[in-house]
Protein backbone atom coordinates (compact mmCIF):
# COMPACT_ATOMS: atom_id res chain seq x y z
CA MET A 1 124.21 130.73 33.75
CA TYR A 2 125.79 134.01 34.19
CA ARG A 3 122.81 135.85 32.87
CA LEU A 4 120.61 133.92 35.17
CA ARG A 5 122.83 134.74 37.99
CA ASN A 6 122.82 138.36 36.97
CA ARG A 7 119.04 138.33 36.65
CA GLY A 8 118.63 136.86 40.17
CA GLY A 9 120.97 139.35 41.59
CA TRP A 10 119.02 142.14 39.91
CA ILE A 11 115.80 140.97 41.50
CA CYS A 12 117.40 140.96 44.96
CA MET A 13 118.76 144.38 44.41
CA ALA A 14 115.32 145.61 43.28
CA ALA A 15 113.66 144.28 46.42
CA LEU A 16 116.22 145.97 48.59
CA ALA A 17 115.68 149.18 46.67
CA LEU A 18 111.93 149.05 47.25
CA VAL A 19 112.38 148.65 51.02
CA SER A 20 115.00 151.31 51.16
CA CYS A 21 112.72 153.69 49.28
CA GLY A 22 110.03 153.51 52.15
CA PHE A 23 107.27 151.33 50.77
CA ILE A 24 104.82 150.11 53.57
CA ASP A 25 104.67 146.50 54.70
CA LEU A 26 101.23 145.32 53.65
CA ARG A 27 101.01 142.47 56.11
CA PRO A 28 97.93 142.93 58.44
CA ILE A 29 98.32 143.36 62.25
CA GLY A 30 96.93 140.31 63.98
CA PHE A 31 95.47 140.25 67.53
CA SER A 32 93.47 138.13 69.95
CA MET A 33 91.45 139.08 73.09
CA GLU A 34 90.62 137.55 76.46
CA PRO A 35 87.71 137.31 76.90
CA ASP A 36 87.12 136.69 73.21
CA GLU A 37 83.38 136.08 73.11
CA SER A 38 80.33 137.41 74.96
CA ASP A 39 79.01 135.85 78.19
CA THR A 40 82.46 134.63 79.15
CA VAL A 41 82.86 134.31 82.95
CA LEU A 42 86.23 135.39 84.35
CA SER A 43 87.48 133.00 86.98
CA SER A 44 88.36 135.39 89.84
CA GLU A 45 87.72 138.88 91.13
CA TYR A 46 91.06 140.16 89.76
CA SER A 47 91.23 138.20 86.49
CA PRO A 48 92.80 140.47 83.80
CA VAL A 49 91.39 141.47 80.42
CA SER A 50 94.03 141.32 77.67
CA ILE A 51 94.73 142.02 73.97
CA THR A 52 97.63 140.14 72.38
CA PHE A 53 99.11 141.53 69.12
CA ASN A 54 101.29 139.62 66.69
CA THR A 55 103.79 142.42 66.46
CA GLU A 56 105.31 145.09 68.61
CA MET A 57 102.92 147.99 69.02
CA ASP A 58 102.98 151.69 69.68
CA ARG A 59 102.03 151.16 73.29
CA GLN A 60 100.75 154.64 74.08
CA ALA A 61 98.24 154.52 71.23
CA ALA A 62 97.16 150.98 72.05
CA GLU A 63 96.54 151.72 75.71
CA GLY A 64 93.91 154.33 74.86
CA ILE A 65 91.51 152.06 72.96
CA ILE A 66 90.27 149.85 75.81
CA ARG A 67 87.20 150.81 77.91
CA ILE A 68 85.30 148.65 80.38
CA SER A 69 82.00 149.64 82.04
CA SER A 70 78.90 148.26 83.72
CA ASP A 71 75.62 149.55 85.08
CA LEU A 72 77.62 150.72 88.10
CA GLY A 73 79.78 152.98 85.90
CA SER A 74 83.24 152.92 84.35
CA VAL A 75 85.80 150.43 85.63
CA GLU A 76 89.18 151.80 86.56
CA GLY A 77 92.19 149.61 85.93
CA ASP A 78 95.95 149.40 85.62
CA ILE A 79 97.53 148.88 82.18
CA SER A 80 100.66 146.77 81.82
CA TRP A 81 102.47 144.91 79.04
CA GLU A 82 103.98 141.49 78.77
CA GLY A 83 105.77 141.47 75.43
CA ASN A 84 103.13 142.26 72.84
CA MET A 85 100.21 141.57 75.24
CA LEU A 86 98.32 144.56 76.69
CA ILE A 87 96.90 143.67 80.12
CA PHE A 88 94.05 145.51 81.93
CA THR A 89 93.79 144.67 85.68
CA PRO A 90 90.89 146.19 87.66
CA VAL A 91 91.84 148.45 90.56
CA SER A 92 88.80 147.20 92.52
CA PRO A 93 87.76 143.57 92.27
CA TRP A 94 85.19 142.48 89.74
CA THR A 95 81.73 142.11 91.22
CA ALA A 96 80.08 138.73 90.85
CA GLY A 97 77.03 138.52 88.61
CA ILE A 98 77.54 141.97 87.07
CA ARG A 99 77.55 142.16 83.27
CA TYR A 100 80.55 144.13 82.09
CA ALA A 101 81.00 145.66 78.61
CA LEU A 102 84.47 145.51 77.05
CA ASN A 103 84.74 148.14 74.29
CA VAL A 104 87.85 148.25 72.11
CA SER A 105 87.62 151.12 69.66
CA GLY A 106 90.18 153.22 67.85
CA MET A 107 93.21 153.30 65.61
CA VAL A 108 96.38 151.48 66.67
CA ARG A 109 99.70 151.19 64.90
CA SER A 110 102.59 148.84 65.09
CA ALA A 111 106.11 149.85 65.83
CA ASP A 112 106.95 149.51 62.12
CA GLY A 113 104.17 151.90 61.13
CA ARG A 114 101.35 149.62 60.10
CA GLU A 115 97.87 150.74 61.25
CA LEU A 116 94.73 148.94 62.34
CA ARG A 117 91.29 150.30 63.20
CA MET A 118 89.81 148.17 65.95
CA GLU A 119 86.09 147.91 66.77
CA LYS A 120 85.25 145.12 69.20
CA HIS A 121 82.45 144.87 71.80
CA ILE A 122 82.21 141.96 74.20
CA PHE A 123 80.02 141.42 77.30
CA PHE A 124 81.47 139.33 80.10
CA TYR A 125 80.98 138.40 83.77
CA ALA A 126 83.31 137.66 86.64
CA ILE A 127 83.17 134.84 89.21
CA ASN A 128 79.58 133.80 88.28
CA LYS A 129 76.48 134.75 86.31
CA ALA A 130 74.07 134.42 89.24
CA PRO A 131 71.06 136.75 89.05
CA ALA A 132 70.98 139.87 91.19
CA PRO A 133 68.92 139.56 94.39
CA LEU A 134 65.73 141.59 94.68
CA LEU A 135 64.07 143.10 97.73
CA GLU A 136 60.68 141.51 97.19
CA TRP A 137 58.86 142.93 100.25
CA PHE A 138 59.45 145.13 103.25
CA SER A 139 57.59 146.27 106.34
CA PRO A 140 56.41 148.73 107.58
CA ASP A 141 55.04 150.18 104.38
CA ASP A 142 56.56 153.41 103.18
CA GLY A 143 54.99 156.26 105.20
CA ALA A 144 53.22 153.92 107.65
CA SER A 145 52.38 154.89 111.24
CA VAL A 146 53.86 152.54 113.85
CA GLY A 147 54.45 152.39 117.58
CA ASN A 148 57.84 153.30 118.98
CA ILE A 149 58.15 150.68 121.75
CA ILE A 150 60.26 147.56 121.35
CA GLU A 151 57.93 144.92 122.81
CA ASP A 152 60.15 141.86 122.43
CA GLY A 153 63.47 141.52 120.68
CA GLU A 154 62.67 138.04 119.39
CA ASN A 155 58.97 138.46 118.62
CA PRO A 156 58.17 142.14 118.25
CA SER A 157 54.55 143.11 117.85
CA ALA A 158 53.12 144.32 114.57
CA GLN A 159 53.13 147.86 115.95
CA SER A 160 56.80 147.80 116.94
CA PRO A 161 59.27 149.88 114.90
CA VAL A 162 60.87 146.77 113.47
CA VAL A 163 61.98 146.81 109.85
CA GLU A 164 61.52 143.48 108.05
CA LEU A 165 63.06 142.73 104.64
CA ARG A 166 62.45 139.73 102.38
CA PHE A 167 64.80 138.93 99.50
CA SER A 168 64.55 136.81 96.39
CA ARG A 169 67.83 135.02 97.12
CA PRO A 170 69.86 134.05 100.21
CA MET A 171 71.89 137.07 101.28
CA ASP A 172 75.40 137.62 102.56
CA ARG A 173 74.83 138.72 106.14
CA PHE A 174 77.83 140.98 106.61
CA SER A 175 77.44 143.03 103.44
CA THR A 176 73.68 143.34 103.89
CA GLU A 177 73.92 144.47 107.50
CA SER A 178 76.67 146.93 106.57
CA ALA A 179 74.56 148.33 103.74
CA PHE A 180 71.53 148.98 105.99
CA THR A 181 71.03 152.28 107.81
CA LEU A 182 68.17 153.46 110.03
CA GLU A 183 68.72 157.13 110.76
CA GLY A 184 68.53 158.14 114.41
CA ALA A 185 67.88 154.64 115.75
CA GLY A 186 71.21 153.95 117.47
CA ASP A 187 72.38 150.37 117.88
CA LYS A 188 70.37 147.63 116.18
CA ASN A 189 70.02 143.86 116.30
CA PHE A 190 69.81 141.82 113.07
CA ASN A 191 67.68 138.70 113.12
CA TRP A 192 68.04 136.38 110.08
CA SER A 193 65.72 133.50 109.13
CA ASP A 194 64.38 131.50 106.19
CA ASP A 195 67.81 130.56 104.83
CA ASP A 196 68.95 134.18 105.03
CA THR A 197 66.17 135.50 102.80
CA ARG A 198 64.34 137.21 105.68
CA LEU A 199 65.87 139.89 107.89
CA ARG A 200 64.43 141.73 110.88
CA ILE A 201 66.18 144.87 112.07
CA ILE A 202 65.30 145.57 115.71
CA PRO A 203 66.46 148.76 117.47
CA GLU A 204 67.98 148.09 120.89
CA GLN A 205 66.18 151.08 122.43
CA ASN A 206 62.71 152.50 122.05
CA LEU A 207 62.53 155.14 119.35
CA SER A 208 61.37 158.69 119.97
CA PRO A 209 57.62 159.20 119.66
CA TRP A 210 56.02 161.20 116.86
CA LYS A 211 59.15 161.21 114.72
CA SER A 212 59.84 160.26 111.11
CA TYR A 213 62.53 157.61 110.59
CA GLN A 214 64.09 156.69 107.24
CA TRP A 215 65.88 153.46 106.44
CA THR A 216 68.03 152.70 103.41
CA LEU A 217 69.42 149.49 101.98
CA LYS A 218 72.33 150.48 99.79
CA SER A 219 73.54 148.65 96.70
CA GLY A 220 76.46 147.23 98.69
CA ALA A 221 74.14 144.48 99.97
CA LYS A 222 75.08 141.23 98.24
CA SER A 223 73.61 137.80 97.84
CA ARG A 224 75.38 134.77 99.18
CA ASP A 225 76.79 134.39 95.61
CA GLY A 226 78.40 137.83 95.94
CA VAL A 227 76.01 139.57 93.55
CA PRO A 228 74.91 143.05 94.70
CA ILE A 229 71.26 143.94 94.99
CA ALA A 230 69.79 145.35 91.83
CA LYS A 231 69.26 148.83 93.29
CA SER A 232 69.27 150.61 96.62
CA VAL A 233 65.92 150.91 98.40
CA SER A 234 64.74 153.51 100.90
CA ALA A 235 61.52 154.03 102.87
CA ARG A 236 60.32 155.82 105.99
CA PHE A 237 57.85 155.32 108.81
CA ILE A 238 56.42 157.58 111.52
CA THR A 239 56.25 156.59 115.20
CA ASP A 240 52.90 158.31 115.77
CA LEU A 241 50.58 155.34 116.22
CA ASP A 242 50.30 156.04 119.96
CA ARG A 243 48.65 159.46 120.37
CA GLN A 244 47.46 159.12 123.98
CA LEU A 245 49.42 161.18 126.49
CA PRO A 246 49.96 159.58 129.90
CA ARG A 247 48.10 160.97 132.89
CA VAL A 248 47.76 160.33 136.62
CA SER A 249 44.70 158.17 137.22
CA SER A 250 44.78 158.07 141.04
CA VAL A 251 46.78 159.08 144.11
CA CYS A 252 46.11 157.59 147.54
CA PRO A 253 47.76 156.73 150.88
CA ALA A 254 49.51 153.36 151.08
CA ILE A 255 50.15 150.93 153.92
CA PHE A 256 52.92 148.35 153.99
CA SER A 257 51.50 144.87 154.57
CA GLU A 258 53.02 141.43 154.02
CA GLY A 259 56.00 142.80 152.16
CA ARG A 260 54.17 145.09 149.74
CA TRP A 261 52.50 148.47 149.54
CA LEU A 262 48.72 148.48 149.31
CA PRO A 263 46.14 151.29 149.06
CA SER A 264 44.84 152.24 152.49
CA GLY A 265 41.36 152.97 151.21
CA GLY A 266 41.45 156.64 152.23
CA SER A 267 41.99 159.82 150.28
CA LEU A 268 45.34 161.57 150.17
CA GLU A 269 43.83 164.96 150.95
CA THR A 270 42.79 164.00 154.50
CA HIS A 271 43.81 160.43 155.31
CA LEU A 272 47.61 160.18 155.02
CA GLY A 273 48.52 158.53 158.33
CA PRO A 274 51.80 157.92 160.15
CA GLY A 275 54.18 155.46 158.53
CA GLN A 276 52.23 155.50 155.27
CA GLY A 277 53.42 156.01 151.72
CA ILE A 278 51.71 157.53 148.70
CA ILE A 279 50.68 155.35 145.75
CA ILE A 280 50.61 157.09 142.37
CA GLU A 281 48.94 155.25 139.52
CA PHE A 282 49.20 156.24 135.86
CA ASP A 283 46.95 155.14 133.01
CA LYS A 284 49.93 153.93 130.92
CA ARG A 285 53.15 152.02 131.39
CA MET A 286 55.70 154.58 132.54
CA ALA A 287 59.42 154.97 131.92
CA ASP A 288 61.81 154.63 134.85
CA SER A 289 62.55 158.34 134.57
CA ALA A 290 59.01 159.04 135.80
CA LEU A 291 60.20 158.05 139.30
CA ASN A 292 62.32 161.22 139.32
CA SER A 293 59.41 163.46 138.34
CA ILE A 294 57.80 163.53 141.80
CA ARG A 295 58.37 166.36 144.28
CA PHE A 296 56.64 168.05 147.21
CA ASP A 297 56.12 171.64 148.24
CA PRO A 298 57.31 172.16 150.95
CA SER A 299 60.00 169.53 150.51
CA LEU A 300 59.33 166.04 151.83
CA ALA A 301 62.30 163.68 151.90
CA GLY A 302 61.84 160.09 150.78
CA ARG A 303 62.31 157.64 147.92
CA THR A 304 60.18 156.44 145.05
CA GLU A 305 59.85 152.77 144.11
CA ARG A 306 58.08 151.04 141.25
CA ILE A 307 55.22 148.71 142.16
CA SER A 308 54.19 147.81 138.62
CA ALA A 309 54.58 149.12 135.09
CA THR A 310 51.90 151.74 135.79
CA THR A 311 52.24 152.32 139.54
CA VAL A 312 54.86 153.82 141.86
CA VAL A 313 54.93 154.49 145.60
CA PHE A 314 56.57 157.38 147.40
CA ILE A 315 57.94 156.36 150.81
CA PRO A 316 58.69 159.32 153.10
CA THR A 317 61.86 159.17 155.16
CA ARG A 318 59.89 160.84 157.94
CA ASP A 319 56.19 161.50 158.31
CA PRO A 320 54.95 164.85 157.05
CA GLN A 321 54.63 167.53 159.71
CA GLN A 322 51.28 167.92 161.35
CA GLU A 323 49.03 170.83 160.40
CA ILE A 324 51.10 171.74 157.32
CA PHE A 325 49.58 171.64 153.85
CA TYR A 326 51.78 169.83 151.32
CA THR A 327 51.41 169.85 147.55
CA LEU A 328 52.38 166.75 145.59
CA VAL A 329 53.66 167.77 142.15
CA ILE A 330 54.21 165.31 139.29
CA SER A 331 56.13 167.04 136.53
CA GLY A 332 54.62 167.30 133.08
CA ASP A 333 57.91 165.83 131.82
CA ALA A 334 56.97 162.44 133.28
CA ALA A 335 57.00 160.14 130.25
CA ASP A 336 55.54 156.76 129.43
CA GLU A 337 57.84 153.98 128.29
CA GLY A 338 57.39 155.17 124.73
CA GLY A 339 58.62 158.66 125.55
CA LEU A 340 55.29 160.52 125.45
CA LYS A 341 55.15 163.13 128.21
CA MET A 342 52.20 164.18 130.32
CA GLY A 343 52.55 167.71 129.03
CA GLY A 344 51.33 169.48 132.19
CA ASP A 345 52.07 169.22 135.90
CA TYR A 346 49.74 167.24 138.12
CA ARG A 347 49.13 168.78 141.57
CA VAL A 348 47.23 167.70 144.63
CA SER A 349 47.36 169.29 148.10
CA PHE A 350 46.94 167.35 151.33
CA LEU A 351 47.06 167.69 155.09
CA ALA A 352 48.57 164.69 156.86
CA ASP A 353 46.22 162.93 159.22
CA ILE A 354 48.98 162.47 161.79
CA PRO A 355 48.24 163.34 165.43
CA TYR A 356 50.64 164.91 167.83
CA LEU A 357 51.94 162.72 170.60
CA ARG A 358 50.22 163.57 173.86
CA ILE A 359 50.63 162.77 177.54
CA LEU A 360 47.39 161.20 178.72
CA SER A 361 48.24 160.94 182.39
CA PHE A 362 50.98 161.68 184.91
CA ASN A 363 50.81 159.57 188.07
CA VAL A 364 53.04 160.19 191.09
CA ASP A 365 53.04 157.48 193.70
CA GLY A 366 50.61 158.52 196.42
CA VAL A 367 48.93 161.18 194.19
CA SER A 368 45.87 160.69 191.99
CA ASP A 369 46.45 160.58 188.20
CA LEU A 370 46.76 163.91 186.50
CA ASP A 371 44.62 163.36 183.45
CA THR A 372 45.69 165.74 180.71
CA ALA A 373 43.22 164.58 178.10
CA ALA A 374 41.17 167.74 178.50
CA VAL A 375 44.09 170.13 178.96
CA ASP A 376 44.61 172.66 176.16
CA THR A 377 48.40 172.76 176.12
CA GLU A 378 48.54 175.70 173.70
CA LYS A 379 46.57 177.91 176.12
CA SER A 380 48.45 176.61 179.13
CA GLY A 381 51.85 177.24 177.59
CA GLY A 382 52.48 173.51 177.44
CA ASP A 383 52.14 172.90 181.19
CA LEU A 384 50.81 169.47 181.99
CA ASN A 385 48.84 170.88 184.93
CA ASN A 386 47.94 174.23 183.46
CA GLY A 387 50.70 176.06 185.34
CA ALA A 388 49.75 175.05 188.90
CA ALA A 389 52.31 173.29 191.08
CA LEU A 390 51.55 169.66 191.86
CA ALA A 391 52.19 168.54 195.42
CA VAL A 392 54.07 165.23 195.43
CA THR A 393 55.15 162.93 198.20
CA VAL A 394 58.83 161.98 198.38
CA ASP A 395 59.87 158.63 199.86
CA PRO A 396 62.09 159.66 202.76
CA VAL A 397 64.23 156.56 202.31
CA GLY A 398 66.69 157.94 199.81
CA ASP A 399 64.58 160.98 198.99
CA VAL A 400 63.07 159.10 196.03
CA LEU A 401 60.30 160.41 193.79
CA ARG A 402 58.43 157.80 191.73
CA PHE A 403 55.99 158.51 188.90
CA THR A 404 54.49 156.98 185.76
CA ILE A 405 53.85 158.77 182.44
CA ARG A 406 51.24 157.46 180.06
CA PHE A 407 51.53 158.55 176.40
CA SER A 408 48.83 158.62 173.74
CA LEU A 409 50.75 156.28 171.40
CA GLU A 410 53.10 153.35 171.71
CA PHE A 411 56.85 153.64 171.15
CA ASP A 412 59.09 151.32 169.20
CA LEU A 413 62.00 149.56 170.91
CA GLU A 414 64.72 151.98 169.80
CA ALA A 415 62.70 155.00 170.91
CA MET A 416 61.99 153.34 174.27
CA ARG A 417 65.74 153.03 174.84
CA ASN A 418 66.51 156.67 174.03
CA ILE A 419 63.61 158.61 175.50
CA PRO A 420 64.50 158.33 179.24
CA ARG A 421 67.78 160.14 178.59
CA THR A 422 65.96 163.20 177.27
CA ILE A 423 63.53 163.68 180.20
CA THR A 424 64.95 165.92 182.93
CA LEU A 425 64.03 166.68 186.53
CA SER A 426 65.85 169.69 187.93
CA PRO A 427 65.55 172.02 190.95
CA PHE A 428 63.34 175.01 190.26
CA PHE A 429 63.26 176.87 193.59
CA PRO A 430 65.24 177.68 195.54
CA ALA A 431 68.35 177.72 193.39
CA THR A 432 70.43 176.22 196.19
CA LEU A 433 68.72 172.82 195.89
CA PRO A 434 71.11 170.00 194.90
CA PRO A 435 70.43 168.26 191.59
CA ALA A 436 68.29 165.11 191.42
CA ALA A 437 69.53 161.94 189.74
CA LEU A 438 67.71 159.30 187.74
CA ARG A 439 67.75 156.15 189.80
CA PHE A 440 65.58 153.70 187.90
CA VAL A 441 63.59 153.63 184.67
CA THR A 442 61.41 150.99 183.03
CA TRP A 443 58.70 150.70 180.42
CA ILE A 444 55.65 149.04 181.92
CA SER A 445 54.16 148.86 178.44
CA PRO A 446 55.04 150.47 175.08
CA ASP A 447 53.03 153.57 176.11
CA ARG A 448 53.77 153.71 179.90
CA LEU A 449 57.09 154.90 181.30
CA ARG A 450 57.96 154.57 185.01
CA MET A 451 60.80 156.60 186.51
CA GLU A 452 62.47 156.95 189.93
CA TRP A 453 64.52 160.01 190.82
CA GLU A 454 66.67 160.24 193.95
CA GLY A 455 67.98 163.28 195.74
CA VAL A 456 64.62 165.04 195.65
CA LYS A 457 64.61 167.05 198.90
CA PRO A 458 61.23 167.60 200.61
CA GLY A 459 60.51 171.16 201.61
CA THR A 460 58.76 172.66 204.63
CA ALA A 461 55.98 175.15 205.13
CA ALA A 462 58.61 177.77 205.81
CA GLU A 463 60.75 176.79 202.80
CA PRO A 464 58.88 174.90 200.04
CA HIS A 465 61.00 173.02 197.45
CA PHE A 466 59.95 173.03 193.82
CA TYR A 467 61.22 170.81 190.98
CA ARG A 468 60.60 171.10 187.24
CA LEU A 469 60.03 168.01 185.06
CA VAL A 470 60.64 168.66 181.33
CA ILE A 471 59.63 166.30 178.49
CA PRO A 472 61.04 167.73 175.23
CA GLY A 473 58.66 168.24 172.31
CA GLY A 474 58.82 169.42 168.72
CA ARG A 475 60.59 167.58 165.90
CA SER A 476 63.82 167.43 167.88
CA GLY A 477 62.09 166.11 171.00
CA ILE A 478 60.87 162.64 171.84
CA ASP A 479 58.92 160.71 169.24
CA THR A 480 57.44 157.27 168.92
CA GLY A 481 60.08 156.10 166.50
CA GLY A 482 57.61 156.57 163.68
CA GLY A 483 58.02 160.33 163.50
CA ILE A 484 55.14 161.32 165.81
CA TYR A 485 56.19 163.79 168.45
CA LEU A 486 54.83 166.21 171.06
CA ARG A 487 53.67 169.52 169.70
CA GLU A 488 56.06 171.35 172.07
CA ASN A 489 57.97 170.90 175.30
CA GLN A 490 55.83 169.59 178.16
CA PHE A 491 56.70 170.42 181.77
CA ILE A 492 55.24 170.23 185.24
CA ILE A 493 56.18 172.04 188.43
CA MET A 494 56.13 169.76 191.47
CA GLU A 495 56.32 170.76 195.12
CA ALA A 496 58.26 168.07 196.98
CA ARG A 497 56.83 167.29 200.46
């Protein structure tokens, strides 16, 4: 018994001696992984990858053996420990449908010095294993020539610069729209259809003509399952389908009839009449900016209005001046609705067919009509009676002089109200004559004015009395209300008897 006891004690002492002398523990290091087999699908976008050891490890060495990558590149992550479990958590969320490669390679050692060479390769997914969407078709073709005009936001024409994409799977709208760029196009509208497998990208504004545009769909575009598109796609098109520059096809006088402007049937060069506008017709649909491309030399005030997509009308504020040549200039910068410019100025000169207002007759009660139709007022200095004094009879009751003036054109109502105030009758000789006063005025018709002046003193053979009637002319004188005026001041010398 004693010997046995001594023998057992010796064995215990031997075992302690072996440990104390530094012999290595031969027990293997055990571990398990999550995921532990290929094609595993992690449940969420931040699900961790882990390695659990059966003993305490040299953590620094263990942390360096884990690598995760995909076709998108290396995956960055945060390393943490929970006891003997090494945990890898991605900094950015896992992407659905992407195949990730977990590579565990290298030498690790336990805290007690045991070593283990690890070589483990596992492929896994996160969220789902849905296939990546493909861009199956797009329009326009790469390098195609297209128009640059947006015809209709809902149903653009085949020539419109509208990019259409068709996918193999229903797409996530937000990520796809965010991943699409069309350089230089400004704001865009996105039109989805066919269960989100078809997308039309429609610029809000017409694109510039004769310009190359490039679009790109980046890899951030995802399917409805959250899987990114297999690869980014890029293509370009050129807005040079329309090569015809706009030009002026016709210019003519216009009359306003039944609420609209219509061609008068005459030519601008010689038939622009009073109260008329100027119709300008282009051979293409023009941009609104073309309305600001019209000017006159010398200047002619007015406004320009659109009649149709191809036609505008210039409406003068006042009629052009008589006997002055004007030049209508349409700038070469005038552009069609697609942005193509004329390239060169259009010019046409014209002389307005607008007569001067004339006085056809001057009738003083008791005196035959003074017909001025044949009087050359330029040679006569503007005198109605060619400079000779006209003998007139004054009504002795009140010293009243009555006469009627007949004009060559009719006056509008406003002009009829204002004109009598501008006509004057004043003493001419001798200077001591008292002034005459307007007693009564009326329009017999729109072209006939009757006036009565009182205080007109009859003269005698020894002392004749002369009075001067002045009807103001020129642009600041009387006019018909439509801008037609006397060439110059008209006056007549009358001898009161």
